[in-house]
Amino acid sequence: MCLAIPLCITEINGNDAIGEREGIRRSIRLDFIENPKVGEYVIVHAGFAIERLGEEQAKANIAAAREVENELRNL
């Protein structure tokens, strides 16, 4: 199963970028995002940013993912 995750764009080099979440950095592609900017949040699936996400929603999604991760550790 693959999940789409929110990442904050921290570096851009053409259609290649670095996205970050809680200190974890990932290489991502920006082919589907028009005029991406450093500091924006995007939903990433299979290494591709597929949609912009507002900061408030991104932070809520990250908090929800953190909660699920913590619960899985307690199983």
PDB file of N, CA and C in Angstrom:
ATOM      1  N   MET A   1       0.848  -1.170   0.000  1.00  0.00           N
ATOM      2  CA  MET A   1       0.000   0.000   0.000  1.00  0.00           C
ATOM      3  C   MET A   1       0.896   1.236   0.000  1.00  0.00           C
ATOM      4  N   CYS A   2       0.555   2.194  -0.811  1.00  0.00           N
ATOM      5  CA  CYS A   2       1.279   3.463  -0.870  1.00  0.00           C
ATOM      6  C   CYS A   2       0.387   4.571  -0.335  1.00  0.00           C
ATOM      7  N   LEU A   3       1.000   5.487   0.374  1.00  0.00           N
ATOM      8  CA  LEU A   3       0.271   6.627   0.907  1.00  0.00           C
ATOM      9  C   LEU A   3       0.869   7.910   0.368  1.00  0.00           C
ATOM     10  N   ALA A   4       0.040   8.900   0.201  1.00  0.00           N
ATOM     11  CA  ALA A   4       0.522  10.232  -0.149  1.00  0.00           C
ATOM     12  C   ALA A   4       0.789  10.971   1.157  1.00  0.00           C
ATOM     13  N   ILE A   5       1.900  11.685   1.211  1.00  0.00           N
ATOM     14  CA  ILE A   5       2.277  12.371   2.440  1.00  0.00           C
ATOM     15  C   ILE A   5       2.542  13.844   2.176  1.00  0.00           C
ATOM     16  N   PRO A   6       2.280  14.699   3.155  1.00  0.00           N
ATOM     17  CA  PRO A   6       2.589  16.122   2.983  1.00  0.00           C
ATOM     18  C   PRO A   6       4.061  16.385   3.282  1.00  0.00           C
ATOM     19  N   LEU A   7       4.703  17.148   2.407  1.00  0.00           N
ATOM     20  CA  LEU A   7       6.082  17.578   2.611  1.00  0.00           C
ATOM     21  C   LEU A   7       6.165  19.070   2.313  1.00  0.00           C
ATOM     22  N   CYS A   8       7.087  19.727   2.968  1.00  0.00           N
ATOM     23  CA  CYS A   8       7.353  21.133   2.711  1.00  0.00           C
ATOM     24  C   CYS A   8       8.529  21.221   1.745  1.00  0.00           C
ATOM     25  N   ILE A   9       8.376  21.974   0.674  1.00  0.00           N
ATOM     26  CA  ILE A   9       9.458  22.134  -0.293  1.00  0.00           C
ATOM     27  C   ILE A   9      10.538  23.014   0.332  1.00  0.00           C
ATOM     28  N   THR A  10      11.768  22.477   0.385  1.00  0.00           N
ATOM     29  CA  THR A  10      12.873  23.237   0.974  1.00  0.00           C
ATOM     30  C   THR A  10      13.913  23.659  -0.057  1.00  0.00           C
ATOM     31  N   GLU A  11      13.977  22.961  -1.179  1.00  0.00           N
ATOM     32  CA  GLU A  11      14.915  23.303  -2.253  1.00  0.00           C
ATOM     33  C   GLU A  11      14.262  22.967  -3.582  1.00  0.00           C
ATOM     34  N   ILE A  12      14.554  23.769  -4.602  1.00  0.00           N
ATOM     35  CA  ILE A  12      14.036  23.513  -5.947  1.00  0.00           C
ATOM     36  C   ILE A  12      15.179  23.668  -6.943  1.00  0.00           C
ATOM     37  N   ASN A  13      15.284  22.696  -7.850  1.00  0.00           N
ATOM     38  CA  ASN A  13      16.235  22.752  -8.947  1.00  0.00           C
ATOM     39  C   ASN A  13      15.520  22.231 -10.189  1.00  0.00           C
ATOM     40  N   GLY A  14      14.870  23.128 -10.924  1.00  0.00           N
ATOM     41  CA  GLY A  14      14.055  22.705 -12.067  1.00  0.00           C
ATOM     42  C   GLY A  14      12.839  21.947 -11.580  1.00  0.00           C
ATOM     43  N   ASN A  15      12.640  20.734 -12.082  1.00  0.00           N
ATOM     44  CA  ASN A  15      11.530  19.894 -11.627  1.00  0.00           C
ATOM     45  C   ASN A  15      11.929  18.965 -10.488  1.00  0.00           C
ATOM     46  N   ASP A  16      13.203  19.007 -10.090  1.00  0.00           N
ATOM     47  CA  ASP A  16      13.671  18.240  -8.937  1.00  0.00           C
ATOM     48  C   ASP A  16      13.602  19.127  -7.710  1.00  0.00           C
ATOM     49  N   ALA A  17      13.291  18.527  -6.582  1.00  0.00           N
ATOM     50  CA  ALA A  17      13.197  19.307  -5.355  1.00  0.00           C
ATOM     51  C   ALA A  17      13.512  18.421  -4.162  1.00  0.00           C
ATOM     52  N   ILE A  18      13.648  19.075  -3.025  1.00  0.00           N
ATOM     53  CA  ILE A  18      13.764  18.383  -1.746  1.00  0.00           C
ATOM     54  C   ILE A  18      12.545  18.782  -0.930  1.00  0.00           C
ATOM     55  N   GLY A  19      11.860  17.785  -0.394  1.00  0.00           N
ATOM     56  CA  GLY A  19      10.744  18.010   0.510  1.00  0.00           C
ATOM     57  C   GLY A  19      11.112  17.490   1.881  1.00  0.00           C
ATOM     58  N   GLU A  20      10.571  18.121   2.916  1.00  0.00           N
ATOM     59  CA  GLU A  20      10.949  17.758   4.270  1.00  0.00           C
ATOM     60  C   GLU A  20       9.724  17.642   5.165  1.00  0.00           C
ATOM     61  N   ARG A  21       9.797  16.690   6.069  1.00  0.00           N
ATOM     62  CA  ARG A  21       8.782  16.536   7.113  1.00  0.00           C
ATOM     63  C   ARG A  21       9.487  16.101   8.384  1.00  0.00           C
ATOM     64  N   GLU A  22       9.418  16.914   9.395  1.00  0.00           N
ATOM     65  CA  GLU A  22       9.978  16.605  10.715  1.00  0.00           C
ATOM     66  C   GLU A  22      11.439  16.164  10.619  1.00  0.00           C
ATOM     67  N   GLY A  23      12.224  16.891   9.808  1.00  0.00           N
ATOM     68  CA  GLY A  23      13.646  16.619   9.686  1.00  0.00           C
ATOM     69  C   GLY A  23      14.027  15.535   8.693  1.00  0.00           C
ATOM     70  N   ILE A  24      13.047  14.841   8.147  1.00  0.00           N
ATOM     71  CA  ILE A  24      13.317  13.809   7.146  1.00  0.00           C
ATOM     72  C   ILE A  24      13.176  14.432   5.772  1.00  0.00           C
ATOM     73  N   ARG A  25      14.242  14.334   4.983  1.00  0.00           N
ATOM     74  CA  ARG A  25      14.276  14.960   3.662  1.00  0.00           C
ATOM     75  C   ARG A  25      14.137  13.894   2.583  1.00  0.00           C
ATOM     76  N   ARG A  26      13.380  14.228   1.532  1.00  0.00           N
ATOM     77  CA  ARG A  26      13.156  13.316   0.409  1.00  0.00           C
ATOM     78  C   ARG A  26      13.316  14.063  -0.900  1.00  0.00           C
ATOM     79  N   SER A  27      13.883  13.380  -1.876  1.00  0.00           N
ATOM     80  CA  SER A  27      13.906  13.925  -3.234  1.00  0.00           C
ATOM     81  C   SER A  27      12.524  13.748  -3.828  1.00  0.00           C
ATOM     82  N   ILE A  28      12.011  14.801  -4.446  1.00  0.00           N
ATOM     83  CA  ILE A  28      10.694  14.730  -5.076  1.00  0.00           C
ATOM     84  C   ILE A  28      10.749  15.391  -6.445  1.00  0.00           C
ATOM     85  N   ARG A  29       9.758  15.086  -7.253  1.00  0.00           N
ATOM     86  CA  ARG A  29       9.604  15.703  -8.565  1.00  0.00           C
ATOM     87  C   ARG A  29       8.424  16.662  -8.511  1.00  0.00           C
ATOM     88  N   LEU A  30       8.543  17.755  -9.261  1.00  0.00           N
ATOM     89  CA  LEU A  30       7.518  18.796  -9.258  1.00  0.00           C
ATOM     90  C   LEU A  30       6.807  18.933 -10.605  1.00  0.00           C
ATOM     91  N   ASP A  31       6.840  17.902 -11.427  1.00  0.00           N
ATOM     92  CA  ASP A  31       6.275  17.969 -12.776  1.00  0.00           C
ATOM     93  C   ASP A  31       4.810  18.398 -12.805  1.00  0.00           C
ATOM     94  N   PHE A  32       4.049  18.067 -11.774  1.00  0.00           N
ATOM     95  CA  PHE A  32       2.610  18.326 -11.778  1.00  0.00           C
ATOM     96  C   PHE A  32       2.201  19.587 -11.023  1.00  0.00           C
ATOM     97  N   ILE A  33       3.180  20.329 -10.490  1.00  0.00           N
ATOM     98  CA  ILE A  33       2.895  21.535  -9.703  1.00  0.00           C
ATOM     99  C   ILE A  33       3.343  22.757 -10.508  1.00  0.00           C
ATOM    100  N   GLU A  34       2.407  23.643 -10.786  1.00  0.00           N
ATOM    101  CA  GLU A  34       2.724  24.852 -11.542  1.00  0.00           C
ATOM    102  C   GLU A  34       3.337  25.904 -10.624  1.00  0.00           C
ATOM    103  N   ASN A  35       4.466  26.458 -11.017  1.00  0.00           N
ATOM    104  CA  ASN A  35       5.162  27.520 -10.272  1.00  0.00           C
ATOM    105  C   ASN A  35       5.355  27.182  -8.787  1.00  0.00           C
ATOM    106  N   PRO A  36       6.011  26.059  -8.481  1.00  0.00           N
ATOM    107  CA  PRO A  36       6.234  25.715  -7.069  1.00  0.00           C
ATOM    108  C   PRO A  36       7.183  26.707  -6.411  1.00  0.00           C
ATOM    109  N   LYS A  37       7.036  26.857  -5.098  1.00  0.00           N
ATOM    110  CA  LYS A  37       7.872  27.783  -4.344  1.00  0.00           C
ATOM    111  C   LYS A  37       8.377  27.111  -3.068  1.00  0.00           C
ATOM    112  N   VAL A  38       9.605  27.457  -2.694  1.00  0.00           N
ATOM    113  CA  VAL A  38      10.156  26.983  -1.430  1.00  0.00           C
ATOM    114  C   VAL A  38       9.241  27.455  -0.305  1.00  0.00           C
ATOM    115  N   GLY A  39       8.960  26.571   0.631  1.00  0.00           N
ATOM    116  CA  GLY A  39       8.090  26.886   1.764  1.00  0.00           C
ATOM    117  C   GLY A  39       6.668  26.393   1.586  1.00  0.00           C
ATOM    118  N   GLU A  40       6.292  26.042   0.353  1.00  0.00           N
ATOM    119  CA  GLU A  40       4.942  25.508   0.112  1.00  0.00           C
ATOM    120  C   GLU A  40       4.883  24.035   0.516  1.00  0.00           C
ATOM    121  N   TYR A  41       3.699  23.624   0.926  1.00  0.00           N
ATOM    122  CA  TYR A  41       3.461  22.218   1.227  1.00  0.00           C
ATOM    123  C   TYR A  41       2.811  21.564   0.021  1.00  0.00           C
ATOM    124  N   VAL A  42       3.222  20.327  -0.224  1.00  0.00           N
ATOM    125  CA  VAL A  42       2.646  19.538  -1.319  1.00  0.00           C
ATOM    126  C   VAL A  42       2.364  18.134  -0.816  1.00  0.00           C
ATOM    127  N   ILE A  43       1.403  17.498  -1.456  1.00  0.00           N
ATOM    128  CA  ILE A  43       1.136  16.085  -1.214  1.00  0.00           C
ATOM    129  C   ILE A  43       2.029  15.305  -2.168  1.00  0.00           C
ATOM    130  N   VAL A  44       2.784  14.339  -1.634  1.00  0.00           N
ATOM    131  CA  VAL A  44       3.729  13.568  -2.442  1.00  0.00           C
ATOM    132  C   VAL A  44       3.306  12.103  -2.462  1.00  0.00           C
ATOM    133  N   HIS A  45       3.233  11.545  -3.661  1.00  0.00           N
ATOM    134  CA  HIS A  45       2.904  10.130  -3.849  1.00  0.00           C
ATOM    135  C   HIS A  45       3.897   9.556  -4.842  1.00  0.00           C
ATOM    136  N   ALA A  46       4.558   8.481  -4.450  1.00  0.00           N
ATOM    137  CA  ALA A  46       5.522   7.790  -5.305  1.00  0.00           C
ATOM    138  C   ALA A  46       6.608   8.738  -5.816  1.00  0.00           C
ATOM    139  N   GLY A  47       6.994   9.702  -4.980  1.00  0.00           N
ATOM    140  CA  GLY A  47       8.069  10.614  -5.322  1.00  0.00           C
ATOM    141  C   GLY A  47       7.661  11.839  -6.120  1.00  0.00           C
ATOM    142  N   PHE A  48       6.381  11.949  -6.464  1.00  0.00           N
ATOM    143  CA  PHE A  48       5.883  13.086  -7.240  1.00  0.00           C
ATOM    144  C   PHE A  48       4.958  13.943  -6.388  1.00  0.00           C
ATOM    145  N   ALA A  49       5.198  15.257  -6.394  1.00  0.00           N
ATOM    146  CA  ALA A  49       4.259  16.184  -5.773  1.00  0.00           C
ATOM    147  C   ALA A  49       3.027  16.222  -6.673  1.00  0.00           C
ATOM    148  N   ILE A  50       1.866  15.911  -6.114  1.00  0.00           N
ATOM    149  CA  ILE A  50       0.661  15.799  -6.945  1.00  0.00           C
ATOM    150  C   ILE A  50      -0.353  16.898  -6.678  1.00  0.00           C
ATOM    151  N   GLU A  51      -0.170  17.640  -5.575  1.00  0.00           N
ATOM    152  CA  GLU A  51      -1.144  18.689  -5.244  1.00  0.00           C
ATOM    153  C   GLU A  51      -0.558  19.613  -4.187  1.00  0.00           C
ATOM    154  N   ARG A  52      -0.880  20.901  -4.283  1.00  0.00           N
ATOM    155  CA  ARG A  52      -0.522  21.855  -3.228  1.00  0.00           C
ATOM    156  C   ARG A  52      -1.434  21.617  -2.029  1.00  0.00           C
ATOM    157  N   LEU A  53      -0.935  22.008  -0.870  1.00  0.00           N
ATOM    158  CA  LEU A  53      -1.697  21.850   0.360  1.00  0.00           C
ATOM    159  C   LEU A  53      -1.438  23.080   1.218  1.00  0.00           C
ATOM    160  N   GLY A  54      -2.492  23.667   1.752  1.00  0.00           N
ATOM    161  CA  GLY A  54      -2.319  24.818   2.641  1.00  0.00           C
ATOM    162  C   GLY A  54      -1.561  24.427   3.899  1.00  0.00           C
ATOM    163  N   GLU A  55      -0.860  25.384   4.472  1.00  0.00           N
ATOM    164  CA  GLU A  55      -0.020  25.101   5.644  1.00  0.00           C
ATOM    165  C   GLU A  55      -0.829  24.528   6.808  1.00  0.00           C
ATOM    166  N   GLU A  56      -1.987  25.100   7.073  1.00  0.00           N
ATOM    167  CA  GLU A  56      -2.821  24.616   8.188  1.00  0.00           C
ATOM    168  C   GLU A  56      -3.235  23.163   7.976  1.00  0.00           C
ATOM    169  N   GLN A  57      -3.690  22.843   6.769  1.00  0.00           N
ATOM    170  CA  GLN A  57      -4.103  21.465   6.470  1.00  0.00           C
ATOM    171  C   GLN A  57      -2.903  20.518   6.514  1.00  0.00           C
ATOM    172  N   ALA A  58      -1.763  20.964   5.990  1.00  0.00           N
ATOM    173  CA  ALA A  58      -0.558  20.133   6.008  1.00  0.00           C
ATOM    174  C   ALA A  58      -0.164  19.794   7.437  1.00  0.00           C
ATOM    175  N   LYS A  59      -0.176  20.788   8.316  1.00  0.00           N
ATOM    176  CA  LYS A  59       0.194  20.550   9.713  1.00  0.00           C
ATOM    177  C   LYS A  59      -0.803  19.619  10.402  1.00  0.00           C
ATOM    178  N   ALA A  60      -2.085  19.740  10.065  1.00  0.00           N
ATOM    179  CA  ALA A  60      -3.094  18.833  10.623  1.00  0.00           C
ATOM    180  C   ALA A  60      -2.853  17.407  10.126  1.00  0.00           C
ATOM    181  N   ASN A  61      -2.519  17.249   8.847  1.00  0.00           N
ATOM    182  CA  ASN A  61      -2.238  15.921   8.293  1.00  0.00           C
ATOM    183  C   ASN A  61      -0.990  15.314   8.929  1.00  0.00           C
ATOM    184  N   ILE A  62       0.037  16.130   9.124  1.00  0.00           N
ATOM    185  CA  ILE A  62       1.267  15.646   9.748  1.00  0.00           C
ATOM    186  C   ILE A  62       0.992  15.204  11.183  1.00  0.00           C
ATOM    187  N   ALA A  63       0.203  15.969  11.909  1.00  0.00           N
ATOM    188  CA  ALA A  63      -0.150  15.605  13.288  1.00  0.00           C
ATOM    189  C   ALA A  63      -0.932  14.300  13.318  1.00  0.00           C
ATOM    190  N   ALA A  64      -1.850  14.114  12.379  1.00  0.00           N
ATOM    191  CA  ALA A  64      -2.631  12.872  12.316  1.00  0.00           C
ATOM    192  C   ALA A  64      -1.724  11.684  11.991  1.00  0.00           C
ATOM    193  N   ALA A  65      -0.789  11.872  11.077  1.00  0.00           N
ATOM    194  CA  ALA A  65       0.147  10.792  10.728  1.00  0.00           C
ATOM    195  C   ALA A  65       1.016  10.441  11.933  1.00  0.00           C
ATOM    196  N   ARG A  66       1.464  11.451  12.667  1.00  0.00           N
ATOM    197  CA  ARG A  66       2.275  11.224  13.865  1.00  0.00           C
ATOM    198  C   ARG A  66       1.483  10.405  14.887  1.00  0.00           C
ATOM    199  N   GLU A  67       0.200  10.727  15.047  1.00  0.00           N
ATOM    200  CA  GLU A  67      -0.654   9.993  15.986  1.00  0.00           C
ATOM    201  C   GLU A  67      -0.775   8.524  15.584  1.00  0.00           C
ATOM    202  N   VAL A  68      -0.978   8.263  14.305  1.00  0.00           N
ATOM    203  CA  VAL A  68      -1.069   6.877  13.823  1.00  0.00           C
ATOM    204  C   VAL A  68       0.254   6.156  14.035  1.00  0.00           C
ATOM    205  N   GLU A  69       1.361   6.806  13.727  1.00  0.00           N
ATOM    206  CA  GLU A  69       2.682   6.198  13.929  1.00  0.00           C
ATOM    207  C   GLU A  69       2.897   5.839  15.400  1.00  0.00           C
ATOM    208  N   ASN A  70       2.519   6.728  16.293  1.00  0.00           N
ATOM    209  CA  ASN A  70       2.675   6.456  17.735  1.00  0.00           C
ATOM    210  C   ASN A  70       1.809   5.275  18.165  1.00  0.00           C
ATOM    211  N   GLU A  71       0.605   5.200  17.668  1.00  0.00           N
ATOM    212  CA  GLU A  71      -0.273   4.070  18.016  1.00  0.00           C
ATOM    213  C   GLU A  71       0.285   2.754  17.470  1.00  0.00           C
ATOM    214  N   LEU A  72       0.843   2.778  16.263  1.00  0.00           N
ATOM    215  CA  LEU A  72       1.410   1.555  15.689  1.00  0.00           C
ATOM    216  C   LEU A  72       2.608   1.068  16.500  1.00  0.00           C
ATOM    217  N   ARG A  73       3.357   1.993  17.062  1.00  0.00           N
ATOM    218  CA  ARG A  73       4.502   1.599  17.903  1.00  0.00           C
ATOM    219  C   ARG A  73       4.037   0.901  19.170  1.00  0.00           C
ATOM    220  N   ASN A  74       2.827   1.182  19.617  1.00  0.00           N
ATOM    221  CA  ASN A  74       2.313   0.615  20.864  1.00  0.00           C
ATOM    222  C   ASN A  74       1.619  -0.731  20.677  1.00  0.00           C
ATOM    223  N   LEU A  75       1.566  -1.229  19.459  1.00  0.00           N
ATOM    224  CA  LEU A  75       0.914  -2.538  19.226  1.00  0.00           C
ATOM    225  C   LEU A  75       1.755  -3.677  19.711  1.00  0.00           C
TER     226      LEU A  75
END
